[in-house]
């Protein structure tokens, strides 16, 4: 078993010395994409709850709007990180 692990590590070591597999721009794009996916996933439940609350009480519009927009700040912050990098 140890011989198999040594053979695996010795075969993969030259690949690790060549440099990163994904460049910085690709990682930044991946970060923004994952942030957008997370924001959309969270807005799925928040939007449904906000619409239900507003349907019952019109004074909940402000709270519903704030809670619906809040996950989008995640994407905005991810874009700021992209421009900083």
PDB file of N, CA and C in Angstrom:
ATOM      1  N   UNK A   1       0.822  -1.184   0.000  1.00  0.00           N
ATOM      2  CA  UNK A   1       0.000   0.000   0.000  1.00  0.00           C
ATOM      3  C   UNK A   1       0.874   1.259   0.000  1.00  0.00           C
ATOM      4  N   UNK A   2       1.923   1.234   0.772  1.00  0.00           N
ATOM      5  CA  UNK A   2       2.836   2.377   0.816  1.00  0.00           C
ATOM      6  C   UNK A   2       3.505   2.580  -0.536  1.00  0.00           C
ATOM      7  N   UNK A   3       3.819   1.506  -1.202  1.00  0.00           N
ATOM      8  CA  UNK A   3       4.462   1.597  -2.525  1.00  0.00           C
ATOM      9  C   UNK A   3       3.506   2.233  -3.534  1.00  0.00           C
ATOM     10  N   UNK A   4       2.217   1.902  -3.428  1.00  0.00           N
ATOM     11  CA  UNK A   4       1.231   2.498  -4.314  1.00  0.00           C
ATOM     12  C   UNK A   4       1.111   4.004  -4.067  1.00  0.00           C
ATOM     13  N   UNK A   5       1.116   4.418  -2.809  1.00  0.00           N
ATOM     14  CA  UNK A   5       1.035   5.837  -2.477  1.00  0.00           C
ATOM     15  C   UNK A   5       2.263   6.582  -2.973  1.00  0.00           C
ATOM     16  N   UNK A   6       3.436   5.987  -2.826  1.00  0.00           N
ATOM     17  CA  UNK A   6       4.675   6.623  -3.292  1.00  0.00           C
ATOM     18  C   UNK A   6       4.667   6.734  -4.810  1.00  0.00           C
ATOM     19  N   UNK A   7       4.198   5.701  -5.491  1.00  0.00           N
ATOM     20  CA  UNK A   7       4.130   5.743  -6.954  1.00  0.00           C
ATOM     21  C   UNK A   7       3.149   6.821  -7.412  1.00  0.00           C
ATOM     22  N   UNK A   8       2.039   6.948  -6.719  1.00  0.00           N
ATOM     23  CA  UNK A   8       1.052   7.969  -7.084  1.00  0.00           C
ATOM     24  C   UNK A   8       1.611   9.371  -6.876  1.00  0.00           C
ATOM     25  N   UNK A   9       2.229   9.590  -5.752  1.00  0.00           N
ATOM     26  CA  UNK A   9       2.778  10.918  -5.457  1.00  0.00           C
ATOM     27  C   UNK A   9       3.909  11.263  -6.418  1.00  0.00           C
ATOM     28  N   UNK A  10       4.749  10.294  -6.730  1.00  0.00           N
ATOM     29  CA  UNK A  10       5.855  10.576  -7.644  1.00  0.00           C
ATOM     30  C   UNK A  10       5.367  10.817  -9.065  1.00  0.00           C
ATOM     31  N   UNK A  11       4.243  10.236  -9.445  1.00  0.00           N
ATOM     32  CA  UNK A  11       3.725  10.476 -10.789  1.00  0.00           C
ATOM     33  C   UNK A  11       2.983  11.810 -10.894  1.00  0.00           C
ATOM     34  N   UNK A  12       2.444  12.295  -9.803  1.00  0.00           N
ATOM     35  CA  UNK A  12       1.688  13.547  -9.833  1.00  0.00           C
ATOM     36  C   UNK A  12       2.561  14.753  -9.493  1.00  0.00           C
ATOM     37  N   UNK A  13       3.713  14.553  -8.907  1.00  0.00           N
ATOM     38  CA  UNK A  13       4.587  15.654  -8.484  1.00  0.00           C
ATOM     39  C   UNK A  13       5.012  16.559  -9.643  1.00  0.00           C
ATOM     40  N   UNK A  14       5.383  16.041 -10.828  1.00  0.00           N
ATOM     41  CA  UNK A  14       5.746  16.963 -11.917  1.00  0.00           C
ATOM     42  C   UNK A  14       4.571  17.842 -12.360  1.00  0.00           C
ATOM     43  N   UNK A  15       3.366  17.354 -12.236  1.00  0.00           N
ATOM     44  CA  UNK A  15       2.206  18.158 -12.618  1.00  0.00           C
ATOM     45  C   UNK A  15       2.005  19.328 -11.666  1.00  0.00           C
ATOM     46  N   UNK A  16       2.309  19.129 -10.409  1.00  0.00           N
ATOM     47  CA  UNK A  16       2.133  20.185  -9.423  1.00  0.00           C
ATOM     48  C   UNK A  16       3.184  21.275  -9.534  1.00  0.00           C
ATOM     49  N   UNK A  17       4.310  20.983 -10.144  1.00  0.00           N
ATOM     50  CA  UNK A  17       5.390  21.965 -10.258  1.00  0.00           C
ATOM     51  C   UNK A  17       5.239  22.860 -11.473  1.00  0.00           C
ATOM     52  N   UNK A  18       4.273  22.596 -12.336  1.00  0.00           N
ATOM     53  CA  UNK A  18       4.112  23.379 -13.550  1.00  0.00           C
ATOM     54  C   UNK A  18       3.426  24.710 -13.310  1.00  0.00           C
ATOM     55  N   UNK A  19       2.677  24.838 -12.274  1.00  0.00           N
ATOM     56  CA  UNK A  19       1.979  26.082 -11.983  1.00  0.00           C
ATOM     57  C   UNK A  19       0.518  25.802 -11.689  1.00  0.00           C
ATOM     58  N   UNK A  20      -0.245  26.862 -11.502  1.00  0.00           N
ATOM     59  CA  UNK A  20      -1.647  26.653 -11.138  1.00  0.00           C
ATOM     60  C   UNK A  20      -2.457  26.087 -12.308  1.00  0.00           C
ATOM     61  N   UNK A  21      -3.426  25.281 -11.981  1.00  0.00           N
ATOM     62  CA  UNK A  21      -4.286  24.701 -13.008  1.00  0.00           C
ATOM     63  C   UNK A  21      -5.285  25.726 -13.537  1.00  0.00           C
ATOM     64  N   UNK A  22      -5.705  26.647 -12.673  1.00  0.00           N
ATOM     65  CA  UNK A  22      -6.649  27.691 -13.062  1.00  0.00           C
ATOM     66  C   UNK A  22      -5.992  29.037 -12.749  1.00  0.00           C
ATOM     67  N   UNK A  23      -6.021  29.928 -13.714  1.00  0.00           N
ATOM     68  CA  UNK A  23      -5.427  31.255 -13.520  1.00  0.00           C
ATOM     69  C   UNK A  23      -6.302  32.102 -12.594  1.00  0.00           C
ATOM     70  N   UNK A  24      -5.785  33.246 -12.207  1.00  0.00           N
ATOM     71  CA  UNK A  24      -6.499  34.116 -11.259  1.00  0.00           C
ATOM     72  C   UNK A  24      -7.814  34.621 -11.830  1.00  0.00           C
ATOM     73  N   UNK A  25      -7.848  34.928 -13.121  1.00  0.00           N
ATOM     74  CA  UNK A  25      -9.086  35.414 -13.734  1.00  0.00           C
ATOM     75  C   UNK A  25     -10.156  34.319 -13.733  1.00  0.00           C
ATOM     76  N   UNK A  26      -9.748  33.095 -13.965  1.00  0.00           N
ATOM     77  CA  UNK A  26     -10.697  31.989 -13.933  1.00  0.00           C
ATOM     78  C   UNK A  26     -11.241  31.743 -12.547  1.00  0.00           C
ATOM     79  N   UNK A  27     -10.389  31.861 -11.545  1.00  0.00           N
ATOM     80  CA  UNK A  27     -10.846  31.701 -10.162  1.00  0.00           C
ATOM     81  C   UNK A  27     -11.795  32.823  -9.751  1.00  0.00           C
ATOM     82  N   UNK A  28     -11.512  34.042 -10.228  1.00  0.00           N
ATOM     83  CA  UNK A  28     -12.401  35.163  -9.921  1.00  0.00           C
ATOM     84  C   UNK A  28     -13.765  34.964 -10.576  1.00  0.00           C
ATOM     85  N   UNK A  29     -13.776  34.473 -11.805  1.00  0.00           N
ATOM     86  CA  UNK A  29     -15.043  34.200 -12.484  1.00  0.00           C
ATOM     87  C   UNK A  29     -15.816  33.098 -11.766  1.00  0.00           C
ATOM     88  N   UNK A  30     -15.104  32.098 -11.296  1.00  0.00           N
ATOM     89  CA  UNK A  30     -15.747  31.021 -10.540  1.00  0.00           C
ATOM     90  C   UNK A  30     -16.348  31.545  -9.239  1.00  0.00           C
ATOM     91  N   UNK A  31     -15.644  32.457  -8.590  1.00  0.00           N
ATOM     92  CA  UNK A  31     -16.148  33.037  -7.344  1.00  0.00           C
ATOM     93  C   UNK A  31     -17.424  33.838  -7.578  1.00  0.00           C
ATOM     94  N   UNK A  32     -17.453  34.622  -8.641  1.00  0.00           N
ATOM     95  CA  UNK A  32     -18.655  35.411  -8.942  1.00  0.00           C
ATOM     96  C   UNK A  32     -19.808  34.491  -9.321  1.00  0.00           C
ATOM     97  N   UNK A  33     -19.523  33.457 -10.083  1.00  0.00           N
ATOM     98  CA  UNK A  33     -20.573  32.517 -10.466  1.00  0.00           C
ATOM     99  C   UNK A  33     -21.163  31.798  -9.274  1.00  0.00           C
ATOM    100  N   UNK A  34     -20.314  31.355  -8.362  1.00  0.00           N
ATOM    101  CA  UNK A  34     -20.814  30.680  -7.164  1.00  0.00           C
ATOM    102  C   UNK A  34     -21.573  31.642  -6.251  1.00  0.00           C
ATOM    103  N   UNK A  35     -21.117  32.885  -6.187  1.00  0.00           N
ATOM    104  CA  UNK A  35     -21.830  33.880  -5.386  1.00  0.00           C
ATOM    105  C   UNK A  35     -23.204  34.164  -5.980  1.00  0.00           C
ATOM    106  N   UNK A  36     -23.289  34.253  -7.296  1.00  0.00           N
ATOM    107  CA  UNK A  36     -24.580  34.483  -7.947  1.00  0.00           C
ATOM    108  C   UNK A  36     -25.504  33.291  -7.755  1.00  0.00           C
ATOM    109  N   UNK A  37     -24.948  32.090  -7.828  1.00  0.00           N
ATOM    110  CA  UNK A  37     -25.762  30.898  -7.601  1.00  0.00           C
ATOM    111  C   UNK A  37     -26.306  30.868  -6.174  1.00  0.00           C
ATOM    112  N   UNK A  38     -25.454  31.201  -5.211  1.00  0.00           N
ATOM    113  CA  UNK A  38     -25.885  31.226  -3.818  1.00  0.00           C
ATOM    114  C   UNK A  38     -26.943  32.292  -3.563  1.00  0.00           C
ATOM    115  N   UNK A  39     -26.788  33.446  -4.189  1.00  0.00           N
ATOM    116  CA  UNK A  39     -27.775  34.513  -4.015  1.00  0.00           C
ATOM    117  C   UNK A  39     -29.109  34.108  -4.618  1.00  0.00           C
ATOM    118  N   UNK A  40     -29.074  33.509  -5.791  1.00  0.00           N
ATOM    119  CA  UNK A  40     -30.315  33.057  -6.417  1.00  0.00           C
ATOM    120  C   UNK A  40     -30.996  31.971  -5.614  1.00  0.00           C
ATOM    121  N   UNK A  41     -30.202  31.077  -5.059  1.00  0.00           N
ATOM    122  CA  UNK A  41     -30.763  29.987  -4.256  1.00  0.00           C
ATOM    123  C   UNK A  41     -31.419  30.520  -2.983  1.00  0.00           C
ATOM    124  N   UNK A  42     -30.798  31.524  -2.377  1.00  0.00           N
ATOM    125  CA  UNK A  42     -31.384  32.072  -1.154  1.00  0.00           C
ATOM    126  C   UNK A  42     -32.604  32.937  -1.453  1.00  0.00           C
ATOM    127  N   UNK A  43     -32.605  33.602  -2.591  1.00  0.00           N
ATOM    128  CA  UNK A  43     -33.744  34.439  -2.938  1.00  0.00           C
ATOM    129  C   UNK A  43     -34.972  33.615  -3.278  1.00  0.00           C
ATOM    130  N   UNK A  44     -34.778  32.360  -3.607  1.00  0.00           N
ATOM    131  CA  UNK A  44     -35.899  31.485  -3.918  1.00  0.00           C
ATOM    132  C   UNK A  44     -36.863  31.414  -2.735  1.00  0.00           C
ATOM    133  N   UNK A  45     -36.344  31.161  -1.564  1.00  0.00           N
ATOM    134  CA  UNK A  45     -37.201  31.067  -0.387  1.00  0.00           C
ATOM    135  C   UNK A  45     -37.612  32.419   0.164  1.00  0.00           C
ATOM    136  N   UNK A  46     -36.698  33.363   0.108  1.00  0.00           N
ATOM    137  CA  UNK A  46     -36.992  34.691   0.652  1.00  0.00           C
ATOM    138  C   UNK A  46     -38.072  35.379  -0.167  1.00  0.00           C
ATOM    139  N   UNK A  47     -37.989  35.255  -1.481  1.00  0.00           N
ATOM    140  CA  UNK A  47     -38.981  35.904  -2.338  1.00  0.00           C
ATOM    141  C   UNK A  47     -40.374  35.347  -2.124  1.00  0.00           C
ATOM    142  N   UNK A  48     -40.484  34.024  -1.998  1.00  0.00           N
ATOM    143  CA  UNK A  48     -41.787  33.411  -1.768  1.00  0.00           C
ATOM    144  C   UNK A  48     -42.370  33.859  -0.424  1.00  0.00           C
ATOM    145  N   UNK A  49     -41.546  33.915   0.591  1.00  0.00           N
ATOM    146  CA  UNK A  49     -42.022  34.344   1.908  1.00  0.00           C
ATOM    147  C   UNK A  49     -42.402  35.827   1.904  1.00  0.00           C
ATOM    148  N   UNK A  50     -41.620  36.626   1.196  1.00  0.00           N
ATOM    149  CA  UNK A  50     -41.906  38.064   1.140  1.00  0.00           C
ATOM    150  C   UNK A  50     -43.216  38.334   0.412  1.00  0.00           C
ATOM    151  N   UNK A  51     -43.453  37.631  -0.690  1.00  0.00           N
ATOM    152  CA  UNK A  51     -44.701  37.828  -1.424  1.00  0.00           C
ATOM    153  C   UNK A  51     -45.892  37.396  -0.573  1.00  0.00           C
ATOM    154  N   UNK A  52     -45.742  36.302   0.168  1.00  0.00           N
ATOM    155  CA  UNK A  52     -46.821  35.864   1.051  1.00  0.00           C
ATOM    156  C   UNK A  52     -47.099  36.860   2.165  1.00  0.00           C
ATOM    157  N   UNK A  53     -46.037  37.425   2.722  1.00  0.00           N
ATOM    158  CA  UNK A  53     -46.212  38.406   3.796  1.00  0.00           C
ATOM    159  C   UNK A  53     -46.849  39.684   3.272  1.00  0.00           C
ATOM    160  N   UNK A  54     -46.455  40.119   2.084  1.00  0.00           N
ATOM    161  CA  UNK A  54     -47.019  41.345   1.512  1.00  0.00           C
ATOM    162  C   UNK A  54     -48.480  41.126   1.125  1.00  0.00           C
ATOM    163  N   UNK A  55     -48.820  39.907   0.697  1.00  0.00           N
ATOM    164  CA  UNK A  55     -50.213  39.615   0.341  1.00  0.00           C
ATOM    165  C   UNK A  55     -51.123  39.716   1.558  1.00  0.00           C
ATOM    166  N   UNK A  56     -50.606  39.373   2.723  1.00  0.00           N
ATOM    167  CA  UNK A  56     -51.419  39.451   3.932  1.00  0.00           C
ATOM    168  C   UNK A  56     -51.419  40.842   4.552  1.00  0.00           C
ATOM    169  N   UNK A  57     -50.291  41.542   4.486  1.00  0.00           N
ATOM    170  CA  UNK A  57     -50.174  42.851   5.133  1.00  0.00           C
ATOM    171  C   UNK A  57     -49.327  43.758   4.255  1.00  0.00           C
ATOM    172  N   UNK A  58     -49.917  44.818   3.721  1.00  0.00           N
ATOM    173  CA  UNK A  58     -49.205  45.723   2.815  1.00  0.00           C
ATOM    174  C   UNK A  58     -48.061  46.468   3.492  1.00  0.00           C
ATOM    175  N   UNK A  59     -48.092  46.595   4.795  1.00  0.00           N
ATOM    176  CA  UNK A  59     -47.029  47.343   5.479  1.00  0.00           C
ATOM    177  C   UNK A  59     -45.716  46.551   5.531  1.00  0.00           C
ATOM    178  N   UNK A  60     -45.734  45.296   5.125  1.00  0.00           N
ATOM    179  CA  UNK A  60     -44.516  44.463   5.125  1.00  0.00           C
ATOM    180  C   UNK A  60     -43.690  44.643   3.855  1.00  0.00           C
ATOM    181  N   UNK A  61     -44.111  45.562   2.970  1.00  0.00           N
ATOM    182  CA  UNK A  61     -43.409  45.727   1.702  1.00  0.00           C
ATOM    183  C   UNK A  61     -41.952  46.122   1.888  1.00  0.00           C
ATOM    184  N   UNK A  62     -41.690  47.058   2.779  1.00  0.00           N
ATOM    185  CA  UNK A  62     -40.315  47.526   3.005  1.00  0.00           C
ATOM    186  C   UNK A  62     -39.413  46.415   3.528  1.00  0.00           C
ATOM    187  N   UNK A  63     -39.892  45.662   4.502  1.00  0.00           N
ATOM    188  CA  UNK A  63     -39.103  44.552   5.047  1.00  0.00           C
ATOM    189  C   UNK A  63     -38.882  43.472   3.999  1.00  0.00           C
ATOM    190  N   UNK A  64     -39.930  43.175   3.232  1.00  0.00           N
ATOM    191  CA  UNK A  64     -39.801  42.160   2.182  1.00  0.00           C
ATOM    192  C   UNK A  64     -38.816  42.571   1.120  1.00  0.00           C
ATOM    193  N   UNK A  65     -38.830  43.845   0.754  1.00  0.00           N
ATOM    194  CA  UNK A  65     -37.897  44.344  -0.246  1.00  0.00           C
ATOM    195  C   UNK A  65     -36.458  44.268   0.255  1.00  0.00           C
ATOM    196  N   UNK A  66     -36.238  44.674   1.486  1.00  0.00           N
ATOM    197  CA  UNK A  66     -34.886  44.635   2.048  1.00  0.00           C
ATOM    198  C   UNK A  66     -34.382  43.196   2.134  1.00  0.00           C
ATOM    199  N   UNK A  67     -35.213  42.292   2.594  1.00  0.00           N
ATOM    200  CA  UNK A  67     -34.788  40.898   2.721  1.00  0.00           C
ATOM    201  C   UNK A  67     -34.587  40.237   1.365  1.00  0.00           C
ATOM    202  N   UNK A  68     -35.302  40.699   0.335  1.00  0.00           N
ATOM    203  CA  UNK A  68     -35.121  40.142  -0.998  1.00  0.00           C
ATOM    204  C   UNK A  68     -33.841  40.670  -1.637  1.00  0.00           C
ATOM    205  N   UNK A  69     -33.510  41.914  -1.382  1.00  0.00           N
ATOM    206  CA  UNK A  69     -32.324  42.527  -1.997  1.00  0.00           C
ATOM    207  C   UNK A  69     -31.037  42.152  -1.254  1.00  0.00           C
ATOM    208  N   UNK A  70     -31.152  41.786  -0.001  1.00  0.00           N
ATOM    209  CA  UNK A  70     -29.978  41.501   0.823  1.00  0.00           C
ATOM    210  C   UNK A  70     -29.032  40.457   0.231  1.00  0.00           C
ATOM    211  N   UNK A  71     -29.497  39.336  -0.311  1.00  0.00           N
ATOM    212  CA  UNK A  71     -28.546  38.370  -0.887  1.00  0.00           C
ATOM    213  C   UNK A  71     -27.798  38.899  -2.110  1.00  0.00           C
ATOM    214  N   UNK A  72     -28.356  39.874  -2.797  1.00  0.00           N
ATOM    215  CA  UNK A  72     -27.660  40.423  -3.961  1.00  0.00           C
ATOM    216  C   UNK A  72     -26.385  41.162  -3.574  1.00  0.00           C
ATOM    217  N   UNK A  73     -26.295  41.605  -2.320  1.00  0.00           N
ATOM    218  CA  UNK A  73     -25.058  42.255  -1.899  1.00  0.00           C
ATOM    219  C   UNK A  73     -23.889  41.284  -1.938  1.00  0.00           C
ATOM    220  N   UNK A  74     -24.176  39.993  -1.820  1.00  0.00           N
ATOM    221  CA  UNK A  74     -23.132  38.983  -1.940  1.00  0.00           C
ATOM    222  C   UNK A  74     -22.496  39.020  -3.319  1.00  0.00           C
ATOM    223  N   UNK A  75     -23.314  39.145  -4.355  1.00  0.00           N
ATOM    224  CA  UNK A  75     -22.800  39.208  -5.719  1.00  0.00           C
ATOM    225  C   UNK A  75     -22.052  40.518  -5.945  1.00  0.00           C
ATOM    226  N   UNK A  76     -22.561  41.606  -5.394  1.00  0.00           N
ATOM    227  CA  UNK A  76     -21.878  42.896  -5.547  1.00  0.00           C
ATOM    228  C   UNK A  76     -20.506  42.852  -4.889  1.00  0.00           C
ATOM    229  N   UNK A  77     -20.421  42.259  -3.707  1.00  0.00           N
ATOM    230  CA  UNK A  77     -19.124  42.140  -3.039  1.00  0.00           C
ATOM    231  C   UNK A  77     -18.185  41.223  -3.808  1.00  0.00           C
ATOM    232  N   UNK A  78     -18.713  40.182  -4.424  1.00  0.00           N
ATOM    233  CA  UNK A  78     -17.874  39.308  -5.244  1.00  0.00           C
ATOM    234  C   UNK A  78     -17.326  40.061  -6.461  1.00  0.00           C
ATOM    235  N   UNK A  79     -18.141  40.911  -7.054  1.00  0.00           N
ATOM    236  CA  UNK A  79     -17.653  41.718  -8.181  1.00  0.00           C
ATOM    237  C   UNK A  79     -16.588  42.713  -7.733  1.00  0.00           C
ATOM    238  N   UNK A  80     -16.732  43.264  -6.542  1.00  0.00           N
ATOM    239  CA  UNK A  80     -15.704  44.167  -6.013  1.00  0.00           C
ATOM    240  C   UNK A  80     -14.385  43.407  -5.853  1.00  0.00           C
ATOM    241  N   UNK A  81     -14.452  42.188  -5.360  1.00  0.00           N
ATOM    242  CA  UNK A  81     -13.235  41.386  -5.203  1.00  0.00           C
ATOM    243  C   UNK A  81     -12.601  41.117  -6.566  1.00  0.00           C
ATOM    244  N   UNK A  82     -13.411  40.883  -7.594  1.00  0.00           N
ATOM    245  CA  UNK A  82     -12.870  40.647  -8.942  1.00  0.00           C
ATOM    246  C   UNK A  82     -12.097  41.867  -9.424  1.00  0.00           C
ATOM    247  N   UNK A  83     -12.650  43.055  -9.207  1.00  0.00           N
ATOM    248  CA  UNK A  83     -11.965  44.244  -9.681  1.00  0.00           C
ATOM    249  C   UNK A  83     -10.733  44.573  -8.831  1.00  0.00           C
ATOM    250  N   UNK A  84     -10.721  44.157  -7.587  1.00  0.00           N
ATOM    251  CA  UNK A  84      -9.547  44.373  -6.742  1.00  0.00           C
ATOM    252  C   UNK A  84      -8.414  43.448  -7.165  1.00  0.00           C
ATOM    253  N   UNK A  85      -8.766  42.198  -7.481  1.00  0.00           N
ATOM    254  CA  UNK A  85      -7.754  41.219  -7.902  1.00  0.00           C
ATOM    255  C   UNK A  85      -7.344  41.574  -9.280  1.00  0.00           C
TER     256      UNK A  85
END
